[in-house]
PDB file of N, CA and C in Angstrom:
ATOM      1  N   UNK A   1      41.690 -89.777   0.694  1.00  0.00           N
ATOM      2  CA  UNK A   1      41.609 -88.416   1.207  1.00  0.00           C
ATOM      3  C   UNK A   1      42.366 -87.478   0.261  1.00  0.00           C
ATOM      4  N   UNK A   2      41.832 -86.311   0.084  1.00  0.00           N
ATOM      5  CA  UNK A   2      42.488 -85.358  -0.806  1.00  0.00           C
ATOM      6  C   UNK A   2      43.204 -84.275  -0.006  1.00  0.00           C
ATOM      7  N   UNK A   3      44.188 -83.699  -0.655  1.00  0.00           N
ATOM      8  CA  UNK A   3      44.903 -82.573  -0.049  1.00  0.00           C
ATOM      9  C   UNK A   3      44.037 -81.336  -0.138  1.00  0.00           C
ATOM     10  N   UNK A   4      44.299 -80.396   0.736  1.00  0.00           N
ATOM     11  CA  UNK A   4      43.601 -79.118   0.704  1.00  0.00           C
ATOM     12  C   UNK A   4      44.641 -78.017   0.531  1.00  0.00           C
ATOM     13  N   UNK A   5      44.433 -77.193  -0.467  1.00  0.00           N
ATOM     14  CA  UNK A   5      45.269 -76.017  -0.698  1.00  0.00           C
ATOM     15  C   UNK A   5      44.388 -74.805  -0.449  1.00  0.00           C
ATOM     16  N   UNK A   6      44.870 -73.889   0.368  1.00  0.00           N
ATOM     17  CA  UNK A   6      44.116 -72.672   0.648  1.00  0.00           C
ATOM     18  C   UNK A   6      44.761 -71.478  -0.038  1.00  0.00           C
ATOM     19  N   UNK A   7      43.951 -70.728  -0.746  1.00  0.00           N
ATOM     20  CA  UNK A   7      44.366 -69.480  -1.368  1.00  0.00           C
ATOM     21  C   UNK A   7      43.761 -68.385  -0.500  1.00  0.00           C
ATOM     22  N   UNK A   8      44.618 -67.532   0.077  1.00  0.00           N
ATOM     23  CA  UNK A   8      44.085 -66.539   1.018  1.00  0.00           C
ATOM     24  C   UNK A   8      44.878 -65.245   0.966  1.00  0.00           C
ATOM     25  N   UNK A   9      44.225 -64.148   1.354  1.00  0.00           N
ATOM     26  CA  UNK A   9      44.937 -62.870   1.415  1.00  0.00           C
ATOM     27  C   UNK A   9      46.076 -62.956   2.430  1.00  0.00           C
ATOM     28  N   UNK A  10      47.211 -62.315   2.086  1.00  0.00           N
ATOM     29  CA  UNK A  10      48.378 -62.395   2.953  1.00  0.00           C
ATOM     30  C   UNK A  10      49.308 -61.228   2.670  1.00  0.00           C
ATOM     31  N   UNK A  11      49.588 -60.422   3.660  1.00  0.00           N
ATOM     32  CA  UNK A  11      50.553 -59.313   3.547  1.00  0.00           C
ATOM     33  C   UNK A  11      50.394 -58.474   2.281  1.00  0.00           C
ATOM     34  N   UNK A  12      49.218 -57.950   2.064  1.00  0.00           N
ATOM     35  CA  UNK A  12      48.912 -57.135   0.885  1.00  0.00           C
ATOM     36  C   UNK A  12      49.068 -57.891  -0.428  1.00  0.00           C
ATOM     37  N   UNK A  13      48.948 -59.201  -0.388  1.00  0.00           N
ATOM     38  CA  UNK A  13      49.011 -60.043  -1.577  1.00  0.00           C
ATOM     39  C   UNK A  13      48.152 -61.274  -1.365  1.00  0.00           C
ATOM     40  N   UNK A  14      48.544 -62.373  -1.988  1.00  0.00           N
ATOM     41  CA  UNK A  14      47.819 -63.629  -1.881  1.00  0.00           C
ATOM     42  C   UNK A  14      48.798 -64.767  -1.620  1.00  0.00           C
ATOM     43  N   UNK A  15      48.380 -65.725  -0.811  1.00  0.00           N
ATOM     44  CA  UNK A  15      49.223 -66.853  -0.417  1.00  0.00           C
ATOM     45  C   UNK A  15      48.572 -68.162  -0.846  1.00  0.00           C
ATOM     46  N   UNK A  16      49.402 -69.116  -1.223  1.00  0.00           N
ATOM     47  CA  UNK A  16      48.968 -70.478  -1.533  1.00  0.00           C
ATOM     48  C   UNK A  16      49.499 -71.363  -0.412  1.00  0.00           C
ATOM     49  N   UNK A  17      48.633 -71.756   0.514  1.00  0.00           N
ATOM     50  CA  UNK A  17      49.063 -72.524   1.680  1.00  0.00           C
ATOM     51  C   UNK A  17      48.736 -73.994   1.497  1.00  0.00           C
ATOM     52  N   UNK A  18      49.785 -74.835   1.450  1.00  0.00           N
ATOM     53  CA  UNK A  18      49.613 -76.291   1.399  1.00  0.00           C
ATOM     54  C   UNK A  18      49.937 -76.923   2.737  1.00  0.00           C
ATOM     55  N   UNK A  19      50.832 -76.333   3.475  1.00  0.00           N
ATOM     56  CA  UNK A  19      51.268 -76.840   4.765  1.00  0.00           C
ATOM     57  C   UNK A  19      52.467 -76.035   5.220  1.00  0.00           C
ATOM     58  N   UNK A  20      52.920 -76.259   6.442  1.00  0.00           N
ATOM     59  CA  UNK A  20      54.094 -75.531   6.919  1.00  0.00           C
ATOM     60  C   UNK A  20      55.270 -75.676   5.940  1.00  0.00           C
ATOM     61  N   UNK A  21      55.900 -74.590   5.639  1.00  0.00           N
ATOM     62  CA  UNK A  21      57.055 -74.499   4.733  1.00  0.00           C
ATOM     63  C   UNK A  21      56.675 -74.603   3.254  1.00  0.00           C
ATOM     64  N   UNK A  22      55.395 -74.756   2.932  1.00  0.00           N
ATOM     65  CA  UNK A  22      54.939 -74.752   1.544  1.00  0.00           C
ATOM     66  C   UNK A  22      53.825 -73.714   1.460  1.00  0.00           C
ATOM     67  N   UNK A  23      54.238 -72.455   1.486  1.00  0.00           N
ATOM     68  CA  UNK A  23      53.261 -71.376   1.522  1.00  0.00           C
ATOM     69  C   UNK A  23      53.762 -70.122   0.809  1.00  0.00           C
ATOM     70  N   UNK A  24      54.043 -70.223  -0.508  1.00  0.00           N
ATOM     71  CA  UNK A  24      54.510 -69.049  -1.251  1.00  0.00           C
ATOM     72  C   UNK A  24      53.412 -68.005  -1.372  1.00  0.00           C
ATOM     73  N   UNK A  25      53.816 -66.754  -1.587  1.00  0.00           N
ATOM     74  CA  UNK A  25      52.815 -65.707  -1.789  1.00  0.00           C
ATOM     75  C   UNK A  25      53.241 -64.758  -2.888  1.00  0.00           C
ATOM     76  N   UNK A  26      52.241 -64.068  -3.453  1.00  0.00           N
ATOM     77  CA  UNK A  26      52.428 -63.146  -4.558  1.00  0.00           C
ATOM     78  C   UNK A  26      51.843 -61.793  -4.198  1.00  0.00           C
ATOM     79  N   UNK A  27      52.406 -60.759  -4.773  1.00  0.00           N
ATOM     80  CA  UNK A  27      51.873 -59.402  -4.614  1.00  0.00           C
ATOM     81  C   UNK A  27      51.728 -58.788  -5.996  1.00  0.00           C
ATOM     82  N   UNK A  28      50.942 -57.741  -6.094  1.00  0.00           N
ATOM     83  CA  UNK A  28      50.763 -57.051  -7.375  1.00  0.00           C
ATOM     84  C   UNK A  28      49.332 -57.140  -7.858  1.00  0.00           C
ATOM     85  N   UNK A  29      49.100 -56.518  -9.000  1.00  0.00           N
ATOM     86  CA  UNK A  29      47.748 -56.421  -9.552  1.00  0.00           C
ATOM     87  C   UNK A  29      47.146 -57.757  -9.960  1.00  0.00           C
ATOM     88  N   UNK A  30      47.962 -58.702 -10.369  1.00  0.00           N
ATOM     89  CA  UNK A  30      47.443 -59.997 -10.825  1.00  0.00           C
ATOM     90  C   UNK A  30      47.827 -61.123  -9.873  1.00  0.00           C
ATOM     91  N   UNK A  31      48.102 -60.787  -8.634  1.00  0.00           N
ATOM     92  CA  UNK A  31      48.560 -61.781  -7.654  1.00  0.00           C
ATOM     93  C   UNK A  31      47.546 -62.903  -7.453  1.00  0.00           C
ATOM     94  N   UNK A  32      46.270 -62.573  -7.376  1.00  0.00           N
ATOM     95  CA  UNK A  32      45.262 -63.612  -7.140  1.00  0.00           C
ATOM     96  C   UNK A  32      45.224 -64.600  -8.308  1.00  0.00           C
ATOM     97  N   UNK A  33      45.280 -64.118  -9.532  1.00  0.00           N
ATOM     98  CA  UNK A  33      45.279 -65.000 -10.696  1.00  0.00           C
ATOM     99  C   UNK A  33      46.532 -65.874 -10.720  1.00  0.00           C
ATOM    100  N   UNK A  34      47.681 -65.286 -10.357  1.00  0.00           N
ATOM    101  CA  UNK A  34      48.927 -66.044 -10.347  1.00  0.00           C
ATOM    102  C   UNK A  34      48.911 -67.138  -9.292  1.00  0.00           C
ATOM    103  N   UNK A  35      48.429 -66.824  -8.093  1.00  0.00           N
ATOM    104  CA  UNK A  35      48.408 -67.821  -7.029  1.00  0.00           C
ATOM    105  C   UNK A  35      47.392 -68.926  -7.345  1.00  0.00           C
ATOM    106  N   UNK A  36      46.278 -68.593  -7.978  1.00  0.00           N
ATOM    107  CA  UNK A  36      45.323 -69.625  -8.397  1.00  0.00           C
ATOM    108  C   UNK A  36      45.942 -70.547  -9.449  1.00  0.00           C
ATOM    109  N   UNK A  37      46.668 -69.975 -10.385  1.00  0.00           N
ATOM    110  CA  UNK A  37      47.356 -70.780 -11.391  1.00  0.00           C
ATOM    111  C   UNK A  37      48.367 -71.724 -10.762  1.00  0.00           C
ATOM    112  N   UNK A  38      49.117 -71.220  -9.800  1.00  0.00           N
ATOM    113  CA  UNK A  38      50.086 -72.048  -9.093  1.00  0.00           C
ATOM    114  C   UNK A  38      49.375 -73.182  -8.355  1.00  0.00           C
ATOM    115  N   UNK A  39      48.295 -72.860  -7.658  1.00  0.00           N
ATOM    116  CA  UNK A  39      47.546 -73.875  -6.925  1.00  0.00           C
ATOM    117  C   UNK A  39      47.001 -74.948  -7.847  1.00  0.00           C
ATOM    118  N   UNK A  40      46.503 -74.556  -9.006  1.00  0.00           N
ATOM    119  CA  UNK A  40      45.968 -75.532  -9.959  1.00  0.00           C
ATOM    120  C   UNK A  40      47.074 -76.425 -10.519  1.00  0.00           C
ATOM    121  N   UNK A  41      48.250 -75.883 -10.727  1.00  0.00           N
ATOM    122  CA  UNK A  41      49.381 -76.708 -11.166  1.00  0.00           C
ATOM    123  C   UNK A  41      49.769 -77.716 -10.090  1.00  0.00           C
ATOM    124  N   UNK A  42      49.789 -77.284  -8.829  1.00  0.00           N
ATOM    125  CA  UNK A  42      50.104 -78.183  -7.711  1.00  0.00           C
ATOM    126  C   UNK A  42      49.049 -79.274  -7.562  1.00  0.00           C
ATOM    127  N   UNK A  43      47.814 -78.971  -7.923  1.00  0.00           N
ATOM    128  CA  UNK A  43      46.720 -79.932  -7.793  1.00  0.00           C
ATOM    129  C   UNK A  43      46.882 -81.117  -8.737  1.00  0.00           C
ATOM    130  N   UNK A  44      47.713 -80.992  -9.745  1.00  0.00           N
ATOM    131  CA  UNK A  44      47.915 -82.073 -10.709  1.00  0.00           C
ATOM    132  C   UNK A  44      48.595 -83.296 -10.101  1.00  0.00           C
ATOM    133  N   UNK A  45      49.112 -83.187  -8.894  1.00  0.00           N
ATOM    134  CA  UNK A  45      49.844 -84.285  -8.287  1.00  0.00           C
ATOM    135  C   UNK A  45      48.943 -85.239  -7.511  1.00  0.00           C
ATOM    136  N   UNK A  46      47.651 -85.233  -7.760  1.00  0.00           N
ATOM    137  CA  UNK A  46      46.732 -86.151  -7.094  1.00  0.00           C
ATOM    138  C   UNK A  46      45.435 -85.466  -6.715  1.00  0.00           C
ATOM    139  N   UNK A  47      44.632 -86.148  -5.939  1.00  0.00           N
ATOM    140  CA  UNK A  47      43.351 -85.582  -5.498  1.00  0.00           C
ATOM    141  C   UNK A  47      43.609 -84.338  -4.661  1.00  0.00           C
ATOM    142  N   UNK A  48      42.854 -83.290  -4.946  1.00  0.00           N
ATOM    143  CA  UNK A  48      43.105 -82.025  -4.265  1.00  0.00           C
ATOM    144  C   UNK A  48      41.854 -81.158  -4.293  1.00  0.00           C
ATOM    145  N   UNK A  49      41.702 -80.368  -3.271  1.00  0.00           N
ATOM    146  CA  UNK A  49      40.655 -79.355  -3.231  1.00  0.00           C
ATOM    147  C   UNK A  49      41.324 -78.019  -2.957  1.00  0.00           C
ATOM    148  N   UNK A  50      41.013 -77.036  -3.785  1.00  0.00           N
ATOM    149  CA  UNK A  50      41.527 -75.684  -3.586  1.00  0.00           C
ATOM    150  C   UNK A  50      40.395 -74.864  -2.999  1.00  0.00           C
ATOM    151  N   UNK A  51      40.676 -74.207  -1.889  1.00  0.00           N
ATOM    152  CA  UNK A  51      39.700 -73.338  -1.240  1.00  0.00           C
ATOM    153  C   UNK A  51      40.212 -71.905  -1.297  1.00  0.00           C
ATOM    154  N   UNK A  52      39.393 -71.002  -1.833  1.00  0.00           N
ATOM    155  CA  UNK A  52      39.740 -69.590  -1.874  1.00  0.00           C
ATOM    156  C   UNK A  52      39.032 -68.927  -0.693  1.00  0.00           C
ATOM    157  N   UNK A  53      39.813 -68.273   0.164  1.00  0.00           N
ATOM    158  CA  UNK A  53      39.277 -67.653   1.369  1.00  0.00           C
ATOM    159  C   UNK A  53      39.281 -66.136   1.243  1.00  0.00           C
ATOM    160  N   UNK A  54      38.396 -65.494   1.987  1.00  0.00           N
ATOM    161  CA  UNK A  54      38.423 -64.037   2.052  1.00  0.00           C
ATOM    162  C   UNK A  54      39.224 -63.601   3.275  1.00  0.00           C
ATOM    163  N   UNK A  55      39.296 -62.324   3.519  1.00  0.00           N
ATOM    164  CA  UNK A  55      40.085 -61.794   4.633  1.00  0.00           C
ATOM    165  C   UNK A  55      39.636 -62.272   6.003  1.00  0.00           C
ATOM    166  N   UNK A  56      38.375 -62.668   6.130  1.00  0.00           N
ATOM    167  CA  UNK A  56      37.849 -63.151   7.409  1.00  0.00           C
ATOM    168  C   UNK A  56      38.021 -64.661   7.565  1.00  0.00           C
ATOM    169  N   UNK A  57      38.530 -65.331   6.530  1.00  0.00           N
ATOM    170  CA  UNK A  57      38.743 -66.774   6.594  1.00  0.00           C
ATOM    171  C   UNK A  57      37.576 -67.600   6.090  1.00  0.00           C
ATOM    172  N   UNK A  58      36.549 -66.958   5.531  1.00  0.00           N
ATOM    173  CA  UNK A  58      35.400 -67.683   4.981  1.00  0.00           C
ATOM    174  C   UNK A  58      35.725 -68.158   3.562  1.00  0.00           C
ATOM    175  N   UNK A  59      35.253 -69.338   3.212  1.00  0.00           N
ATOM    176  CA  UNK A  59      35.477 -69.895   1.879  1.00  0.00           C
ATOM    177  C   UNK A  59      34.564 -69.185   0.885  1.00  0.00           C
ATOM    178  N   UNK A  60      35.155 -68.649  -0.184  1.00  0.00           N
ATOM    179  CA  UNK A  60      34.372 -67.959  -1.209  1.00  0.00           C
ATOM    180  C   UNK A  60      34.248 -68.778  -2.489  1.00  0.00           C
ATOM    181  N   UNK A  61      35.213 -69.659  -2.753  1.00  0.00           N
ATOM    182  CA  UNK A  61      35.197 -70.532  -3.933  1.00  0.00           C
ATOM    183  C   UNK A  61      35.901 -71.830  -3.597  1.00  0.00           C
ATOM    184  N   UNK A  62      35.527 -72.904  -4.282  1.00  0.00           N
ATOM    185  CA  UNK A  62      36.261 -74.166  -4.172  1.00  0.00           C
ATOM    186  C   UNK A  62      36.438 -74.759  -5.559  1.00  0.00           C
ATOM    187  N   UNK A  63      37.545 -75.457  -5.734  1.00  0.00           N
ATOM    188  CA  UNK A  63      37.847 -76.180  -6.964  1.00  0.00           C
ATOM    189  C   UNK A  63      38.282 -77.578  -6.544  1.00  0.00           C
ATOM    190  N   UNK A  64      37.697 -78.614  -7.133  1.00  0.00           N
ATOM    191  CA  UNK A  64      38.083 -79.983  -6.803  1.00  0.00           C
ATOM    192  C   UNK A  64      38.748 -80.627  -8.005  1.00  0.00           C
ATOM    193  N   UNK A  65      39.811 -81.378  -7.736  1.00  0.00           N
ATOM    194  CA  UNK A  65      40.564 -82.051  -8.791  1.00  0.00           C
ATOM    195  C   UNK A  65      40.755 -83.513  -8.401  1.00  0.00           C
ATOM    196  N   UNK A  66      40.657 -84.369  -9.378  1.00  0.00           N
ATOM    197  CA  UNK A  66      41.003 -85.786  -9.187  1.00  0.00           C
ATOM    198  C   UNK A  66      42.130 -86.103 -10.137  1.00  0.00           C
ATOM    199  N   UNK A  67      42.907 -87.085  -9.818  1.00  0.00           N
ATOM    200  CA  UNK A  67      44.034 -87.442 -10.674  1.00  0.00           C
ATOM    201  C   UNK A  67      43.567 -87.824 -12.073  1.00  0.00           C
ATOM    202  N   UNK A  68      42.359 -88.369 -12.192  1.00  0.00           N
ATOM    203  CA  UNK A  68      41.830 -88.773 -13.486  1.00  0.00           C
ATOM    204  C   UNK A  68      41.631 -87.610 -14.444  1.00  0.00           C
ATOM    205  N   UNK A  69      41.534 -86.393 -13.916  1.00  0.00           N
ATOM    206  CA  UNK A  69      41.326 -85.224 -14.767  1.00  0.00           C
ATOM    207  C   UNK A  69      42.561 -84.858 -15.576  1.00  0.00           C
ATOM    208  N   UNK A  70      43.724 -85.408 -15.214  1.00  0.00           N
ATOM    209  CA  UNK A  70      44.965 -85.037 -15.903  1.00  0.00           C
ATOM    210  C   UNK A  70      45.503 -86.185 -16.658  1.00  0.00           C
TER     211      UNK A  70
END
């Protein structure tokens, strides 16, 4: 089973949600790019799927990673 990381809008910025207490967020003009970069770095620790959500909670993009890719 792979982990799921959600990238979603949060408080006028973007949040990277992995689970309770692991949910940093960024604000600013490049916040979405920064949070995606952070999520991709976290994905290096094993099988992972990153889901990018819109304001309504619908998935707009997905990225899948396997440990073999690193």
